[in-house]
Amino acid sequence: MYKAVLKTLLLLFILLVFISACENQNLDSSSLGNIVNEGLATSIGKNIYFTDVDGIYRTNASNEVKKLYTDIQRVNYLSVYNDELYFIDLASPTLYKMDLDGSEKQKVLDYCYSYVIEGDYIYYIRSDKEVMYLRQLYRSKIDGSDSKKLCDASVINEFTIYNGQIYYIIDYDDPMEPFGTGRRIYKMDIDGSNNMLLSDNQSKSINIYDGWIYFVNYDDEKRIYRIRFDGSSKTKLNNVSAWDLNVYDGWVYFTHFNDMKAYKFSLDNWSNIIKLDKVESYELNIVNGWLYYINGADHNEYGYGYTYKAKLDGTDNQRVAKDIEE
């Protein structure tokens, strides 16, 4: 009897693991660092979806590239949820979704500046069609219905969600304040309650990794800092000046402010700065072992930089969607 019970429990455990693995196939690999770098790329399984100057593409493990969606300019904030690809059309800005083969495009939200899907909700920065500087944080159901404002801050620039908390940067506490007086880091509960100031430094590119919030500190010549979730233990990591960050798998990837090239350093050795050769970049995204980025030196006639990718050591650097037939 005892052995039969153990056997039954073991079979139930294996079944739960199998179900969990199957469910995880429906989740994308967007890291928290990708979200604050405009979501250029995301993946599900071995397929990577990425944006370029004229739309959305898909590539696979064999490096075959197919165009899924055409637009007159770059779209951004790609994310996969429930076998559908979400993205923002910058011209509107409007949040759309479509099937993973590029069909069945549908509008989800108007005036969506950026977003994060968490559970069955979309958390998003809502721009105002009449007052251009207003960007406030809202939450809606996954279909875009029942939108609710989460806080009264007037100009939110970026945010991310981790462990039931929203971490965000306010450009201005009051839109009538002069430029340069805002960009402070706050957090609140996921329902909009319990707002708390974490850092009064002018900040950019918040990343959450292993119990720390990493950010670029504009009050100290754009150095890279980190703080704990309660704002304590503020630490400068080194003396490099960064444009943006993506903290991933024990490494800090960043665009150097002085030359706009990509670099990285290990969280075990902050002083050993490694240049990723020939990667002239911004908006660093990391997907399936590749660094996707916008190449500022190679752009179309309208000034939009093409999407490139390189391995995480900077090798095999290439434009991803060159000479692709639709």
Protein backbone atom coordinates (compact mmCIF):
# COMPACT_ATOMS: atom_id res chain seq x y z
CA MET A 1 0.00 0.00 0.00
CA TYR A 2 2.77 2.43 0.99
CA LYS A 3 4.69 1.74 -2.25
CA ALA A 4 1.53 2.23 -4.33
CA VAL A 5 0.95 5.65 -2.72
CA LEU A 6 4.57 6.67 -3.39
CA LYS A 7 4.27 5.51 -7.01
CA THR A 8 1.07 7.53 -7.46
CA LEU A 9 2.66 10.66 -5.96
CA LEU A 10 5.70 10.25 -8.21
CA LEU A 11 3.50 9.96 -11.31
CA LEU A 12 1.56 13.07 -10.27
CA PHE A 13 4.82 14.98 -9.80
CA ILE A 14 6.07 13.97 -13.27
CA LEU A 15 2.73 14.99 -14.77
CA LEU A 16 2.88 18.42 -13.11
CA VAL A 17 6.43 18.98 -14.37
CA PHE A 18 5.36 18.00 -17.88
CA ILE A 19 2.36 20.37 -17.80
CA SER A 20 4.54 23.18 -16.49
CA ALA A 21 7.09 22.61 -19.25
CA CYS A 22 4.35 22.70 -21.87
CA GLU A 23 2.94 25.91 -20.43
CA ASN A 24 6.38 27.48 -20.44
CA GLN A 25 6.59 26.94 -24.20
CA ASN A 26 3.96 29.67 -24.44
CA LEU A 27 6.07 32.24 -22.58
CA ASP A 28 8.46 34.59 -24.28
CA SER A 29 12.03 35.16 -23.15
CA SER A 30 11.85 38.94 -22.76
CA SER A 31 14.14 39.78 -19.88
CA LEU A 32 13.57 42.76 -17.61
CA GLY A 33 16.55 44.38 -19.32
CA ASN A 34 14.93 44.04 -22.76
CA ILE A 35 11.76 45.74 -21.58
CA VAL A 36 13.55 48.96 -20.62
CA ASN A 37 15.47 48.87 -23.92
CA GLU A 38 12.34 49.18 -26.07
CA GLY A 39 11.80 45.45 -26.62
CA LEU A 40 13.54 45.10 -29.98
CA ALA A 41 13.47 41.30 -29.82
CA THR A 42 11.71 38.45 -28.07
CA SER A 43 11.45 34.71 -28.55
CA ILE A 44 9.32 31.66 -28.04
CA GLY A 45 11.10 28.35 -28.34
CA LYS A 46 13.74 28.61 -31.08
CA ASN A 47 11.96 31.37 -32.97
CA ILE A 48 13.12 34.95 -32.43
CA TYR A 49 10.89 37.88 -33.33
CA PHE A 50 12.59 41.22 -33.90
CA THR A 51 11.81 44.67 -35.20
CA ASP A 52 13.67 46.55 -37.94
CA VAL A 53 13.20 49.90 -39.68
CA ASP A 54 10.25 48.69 -41.75
CA GLY A 55 8.40 46.14 -39.66
CA ILE A 56 8.62 42.84 -37.77
CA TYR A 57 10.62 39.75 -38.71
CA ARG A 58 11.02 36.19 -37.46
CA THR A 59 14.18 34.10 -37.51
CA ASN A 60 14.77 30.50 -36.45
CA ALA A 61 17.62 28.24 -35.34
CA SER A 62 18.68 27.80 -38.98
CA ASN A 63 19.03 31.59 -39.33
CA GLU A 64 16.16 31.74 -41.84
CA VAL A 65 14.51 35.17 -41.74
CA LYS A 66 10.94 35.97 -42.75
CA LYS A 67 9.11 39.28 -42.73
CA LEU A 68 5.80 39.11 -40.86
CA TYR A 69 4.57 42.69 -40.76
CA THR A 70 5.35 45.85 -42.74
CA ASP A 71 5.25 49.39 -41.37
CA ILE A 72 6.61 52.71 -42.59
CA GLN A 73 8.83 52.98 -39.53
CA ARG A 74 10.12 50.90 -36.65
CA VAL A 75 7.70 49.32 -34.21
CA ASN A 76 8.87 48.32 -30.74
CA TYR A 77 8.11 46.57 -27.44
CA LEU A 78 7.69 43.07 -28.86
CA SER A 79 6.28 40.51 -26.46
CA VAL A 80 4.68 37.09 -26.84
CA TYR A 81 1.68 36.18 -24.73
CA ASN A 82 -0.78 33.34 -25.27
CA ASP A 83 0.57 32.54 -28.74
CA GLU A 84 0.12 36.13 -29.90
CA LEU A 85 2.74 38.79 -30.64
CA TYR A 86 2.17 42.21 -29.08
CA PHE A 87 3.88 45.36 -30.34
CA ILE A 88 3.58 49.16 -30.39
CA ASP A 89 3.27 51.13 -33.63
CA LEU A 90 5.26 54.27 -32.86
CA ALA A 91 3.36 56.52 -35.26
CA SER A 92 0.15 56.36 -33.19
CA PRO A 93 1.31 55.17 -30.62
CA THR A 94 -0.99 52.13 -30.53
CA LEU A 95 -0.58 48.67 -29.01
CA TYR A 96 -1.49 45.85 -31.39
CA LYS A 97 -1.42 42.08 -31.29
CA MET A 98 -1.29 39.50 -34.08
CA ASP A 99 -0.85 35.77 -34.56
CA LEU A 100 2.71 34.45 -34.60
CA ASP A 101 2.59 34.05 -38.39
CA GLY A 102 1.82 37.77 -38.84
CA SER A 103 -1.91 37.37 -39.50
CA GLU A 104 -5.00 38.62 -37.64
CA LYS A 105 -3.67 42.00 -36.53
CA GLN A 106 -5.92 43.66 -33.91
CA LYS A 107 -5.77 46.91 -31.99
CA VAL A 108 -5.53 46.51 -28.21
CA LEU A 109 -4.88 49.99 -26.76
CA ASP A 110 -4.65 53.55 -28.04
CA TYR A 111 -1.99 56.03 -26.84
CA CYS A 112 0.28 53.30 -25.46
CA TYR A 113 3.84 54.59 -24.95
CA SER A 114 5.25 51.36 -23.44
CA TYR A 115 3.85 48.30 -21.66
CA VAL A 116 4.49 45.14 -19.66
CA ILE A 117 2.22 42.08 -19.64
CA GLU A 118 1.92 40.61 -16.17
CA GLY A 119 -0.58 37.83 -15.51
CA ASP A 120 -3.75 38.63 -17.41
CA TYR A 121 -3.17 42.38 -17.30
CA ILE A 122 -1.37 44.96 -19.40
CA TYR A 123 0.47 47.63 -17.44
CA TYR A 124 1.23 50.56 -19.68
CA ILE A 125 2.31 54.17 -19.89
CA ARG A 126 -0.57 56.05 -21.48
CA SER A 127 0.29 59.12 -23.51
CA ASP A 128 -2.23 61.93 -23.83
CA LYS A 129 -3.41 62.91 -27.31
CA GLU A 130 -4.00 66.56 -26.34
CA VAL A 131 -1.33 67.21 -23.67
CA MET A 132 1.82 65.81 -25.26
CA TYR A 133 4.02 65.68 -22.15
CA LEU A 134 1.56 63.64 -20.05
CA ARG A 135 2.58 59.97 -19.67
CA GLN A 136 0.74 58.22 -16.85
CA LEU A 137 0.74 54.62 -15.65
CA TYR A 138 -2.40 52.55 -16.28
CA ARG A 139 -3.52 48.93 -16.06
CA SER A 140 -6.02 47.17 -18.32
CA LYS A 141 -7.26 43.64 -18.88
CA ILE A 142 -5.38 41.65 -21.50
CA ASP A 143 -7.95 42.61 -24.16
CA GLY A 144 -7.43 46.34 -23.46
CA SER A 145 -10.69 46.83 -21.55
CA ASP A 146 -11.26 48.30 -18.06
CA SER A 147 -8.30 50.68 -18.03
CA LYS A 148 -7.46 52.12 -14.62
CA LYS A 149 -4.93 54.80 -13.69
CA LEU A 150 -2.53 53.49 -11.04
CA CYS A 151 -0.90 56.71 -9.80
CA ASP A 152 -1.13 60.47 -10.22
CA ALA A 153 2.43 61.08 -11.46
CA SER A 154 2.22 63.18 -14.63
CA VAL A 155 5.29 62.18 -16.61
CA ILE A 156 6.51 58.58 -16.21
CA ASN A 157 9.39 57.69 -18.50
CA GLU A 158 10.04 53.98 -17.91
CA PHE A 159 8.97 51.13 -15.66
CA THR A 160 9.36 47.45 -15.00
CA ILE A 161 7.59 44.87 -12.85
CA TYR A 162 9.17 42.37 -10.49
CA ASN A 163 7.73 40.18 -7.74
CA GLY A 164 4.46 42.08 -7.36
CA GLN A 165 6.05 45.53 -7.41
CA ILE A 166 6.24 48.23 -10.09
CA TYR A 167 9.56 50.09 -10.31
CA TYR A 168 9.40 53.28 -12.32
CA ILE A 169 11.07 56.59 -13.13
CA ILE A 170 9.21 59.89 -13.04
CA ASP A 171 10.61 62.43 -15.49
CA TYR A 172 9.07 65.24 -13.46
CA ASP A 173 7.27 65.11 -10.12
CA ASP A 174 5.48 68.22 -11.39
CA PRO A 175 5.40 68.96 -15.16
CA MET A 176 5.93 72.67 -14.35
CA GLU A 177 9.34 71.96 -12.80
CA PRO A 178 12.37 72.83 -14.94
CA PHE A 179 14.14 70.12 -16.93
CA GLY A 180 16.59 68.08 -14.86
CA THR A 181 14.68 68.13 -11.58
CA GLY A 182 13.03 64.75 -11.99
CA ARG A 183 13.96 61.22 -13.18
CA ARG A 184 13.76 59.78 -9.66
CA ILE A 185 13.21 56.06 -9.00
CA TYR A 186 10.02 54.99 -7.21
CA LYS A 187 8.22 51.74 -6.52
CA MET A 188 4.64 50.82 -5.72
CA ASP A 189 2.50 47.74 -5.29
CA ILE A 190 1.05 46.26 -8.43
CA ASP A 191 -2.39 47.74 -7.62
CA GLY A 192 -0.94 51.27 -7.42
CA SER A 193 -0.78 51.51 -3.62
CA ASN A 194 2.17 52.14 -1.30
CA ASN A 195 4.21 54.50 -3.46
CA MET A 196 7.77 54.92 -2.18
CA LEU A 197 10.74 57.01 -3.33
CA LEU A 198 13.84 54.79 -3.69
CA SER A 199 16.41 57.19 -5.14
CA ASP A 200 16.41 60.95 -5.68
CA ASN A 201 19.19 60.72 -8.26
CA GLN A 202 18.37 61.52 -11.89
CA SER A 203 18.22 58.00 -13.30
CA LYS A 204 17.79 56.02 -16.51
CA SER A 205 17.61 52.40 -17.67
CA ILE A 206 16.47 50.61 -14.50
CA ASN A 207 17.31 46.90 -14.48
CA ILE A 208 16.44 44.39 -11.78
CA TYR A 209 18.76 41.48 -11.18
CA ASP A 210 19.51 39.22 -8.20
CA GLY A 211 18.12 41.46 -5.47
CA TRP A 212 19.42 44.75 -6.87
CA ILE A 213 18.13 47.64 -8.97
CA TYR A 214 20.78 48.77 -11.48
CA PHE A 215 20.57 52.18 -13.14
CA VAL A 216 22.49 54.94 -14.89
CA ASN A 217 23.05 57.86 -12.49
CA TYR A 218 22.87 61.18 -14.35
CA ASP A 219 23.91 63.04 -11.19
CA ASP A 220 27.33 61.36 -11.38
CA GLU A 221 28.35 61.66 -15.03
CA LYS A 222 26.12 58.74 -16.07
CA ARG A 223 27.96 56.18 -13.93
CA ILE A 224 26.39 52.76 -13.28
CA TYR A 225 24.93 52.34 -9.78
CA ARG A 226 22.80 49.86 -7.92
CA ILE A 227 20.51 49.96 -4.89
CA ARG A 228 18.49 47.45 -2.90
CA PHE A 229 14.71 47.19 -3.29
CA ASP A 230 14.20 49.56 -0.33
CA GLY A 231 16.63 52.13 -1.75
CA SER A 232 19.47 51.25 0.62
CA SER A 233 23.10 50.24 -0.08
CA LYS A 234 23.60 52.63 -2.99
CA THR A 235 26.83 51.60 -4.72
CA LYS A 236 28.78 52.89 -7.72
CA LEU A 237 30.11 49.95 -9.73
CA ASN A 238 32.87 51.68 -11.69
CA ASN A 239 33.69 54.92 -13.52
CA VAL A 240 32.33 54.20 -17.00
CA SER A 241 29.62 56.47 -18.42
CA ALA A 242 26.69 54.53 -19.85
CA TRP A 243 23.86 55.37 -22.24
CA ASP A 244 21.76 52.28 -21.47
CA LEU A 245 22.02 48.95 -19.62
CA ASN A 246 20.96 45.34 -19.86
CA VAL A 247 21.87 43.22 -16.86
CA TYR A 248 21.74 39.53 -17.76
CA ASP A 249 23.17 36.26 -16.43
CA GLY A 250 25.79 37.84 -14.17
CA TRP A 251 26.94 40.46 -16.71
CA VAL A 252 26.22 44.14 -17.27
CA TYR A 253 25.94 44.96 -20.98
CA PHE A 254 25.93 48.67 -21.75
CA THR A 255 26.40 51.27 -24.44
CA HIS A 256 29.27 53.59 -23.54
CA PHE A 257 28.15 57.20 -23.58
CA ASN A 258 31.44 58.46 -25.02
CA ASP A 259 31.66 56.33 -28.19
CA MET A 260 28.21 54.62 -28.39
CA LYS A 261 29.89 51.20 -28.60
CA ALA A 262 28.78 48.13 -26.66
CA TYR A 263 30.78 46.91 -23.65
CA LYS A 264 30.24 44.48 -20.81
CA PHE A 265 31.64 43.58 -17.40
CA SER A 266 31.03 40.75 -14.98
CA LEU A 267 29.28 41.35 -11.68
CA ASP A 268 32.17 39.39 -10.17
CA ASN A 269 34.72 41.88 -11.53
CA TRP A 270 33.42 45.43 -12.03
CA SER A 271 36.75 46.87 -13.14
CA ASN A 272 37.39 44.51 -16.08
CA ILE A 273 35.55 46.36 -18.87
CA ILE A 274 35.34 44.32 -22.09
CA LYS A 275 34.68 46.06 -25.41
CA LEU A 276 32.46 44.14 -27.82
CA ASP A 277 34.39 44.81 -31.02
CA LYS A 278 32.54 46.59 -33.87
CA VAL A 279 29.23 46.66 -32.01
CA GLU A 280 28.12 50.31 -32.44
CA SER A 281 24.87 50.22 -30.69
CA TYR A 282 22.05 51.33 -28.49
CA GLU A 283 18.89 49.67 -27.11
CA LEU A 284 20.66 46.42 -26.22
CA ASN A 285 18.38 43.35 -26.12
CA ILE A 286 19.48 39.80 -25.25
CA VAL A 287 17.55 36.84 -26.70
CA ASN A 288 18.58 33.18 -27.05
CA GLY A 289 22.29 33.91 -26.66
CA TRP A 290 22.30 36.85 -29.09
CA LEU A 291 22.70 40.56 -28.52
CA TYR A 292 20.19 42.44 -30.67
CA TYR A 293 20.67 46.19 -31.06
CA ILE A 294 20.11 49.25 -33.23
CA ASN A 295 23.21 50.15 -35.24
CA GLY A 296 23.63 53.92 -35.09
CA ALA A 297 26.21 53.90 -37.90
CA ASP A 298 24.08 52.03 -40.44
CA HIS A 299 20.67 53.55 -41.13
CA ASN A 300 18.12 54.13 -43.88
CA GLU A 301 17.40 57.40 -45.69
CA TYR A 302 15.12 58.55 -42.87
CA GLY A 303 17.77 58.12 -40.20
CA TYR A 304 16.39 54.93 -38.61
CA GLY A 305 19.20 52.56 -37.59
CA TYR A 306 19.03 48.97 -38.83
CA THR A 307 18.77 46.05 -36.41
CA TYR A 308 21.95 44.01 -35.95
CA LYS A 309 22.85 41.06 -33.80
CA ALA A 310 26.08 39.67 -32.37
CA LYS A 311 27.05 36.88 -30.04
CA LEU A 312 27.45 37.89 -26.42
CA ASP A 313 31.21 38.16 -26.84
CA GLY A 314 30.75 40.58 -29.77
CA THR A 315 31.65 38.12 -32.53
CA ASP A 316 29.53 37.16 -35.57
CA ASN A 317 28.23 40.72 -35.82
CA GLN A 318 25.69 41.05 -38.64
CA ARG A 319 22.66 42.92 -39.92
CA VAL A 320 19.77 40.55 -39.38
CA ALA A 321 17.21 41.38 -42.07
CA LYS A 322 19.40 42.36 -45.01
CA ASP A 323 18.09 41.45 -48.48
CA ILE A 324 15.04 39.63 -47.14
CA GLU A 325 12.19 38.92 -49.50
CA GLU A 326 8.66 39.37 -48.12
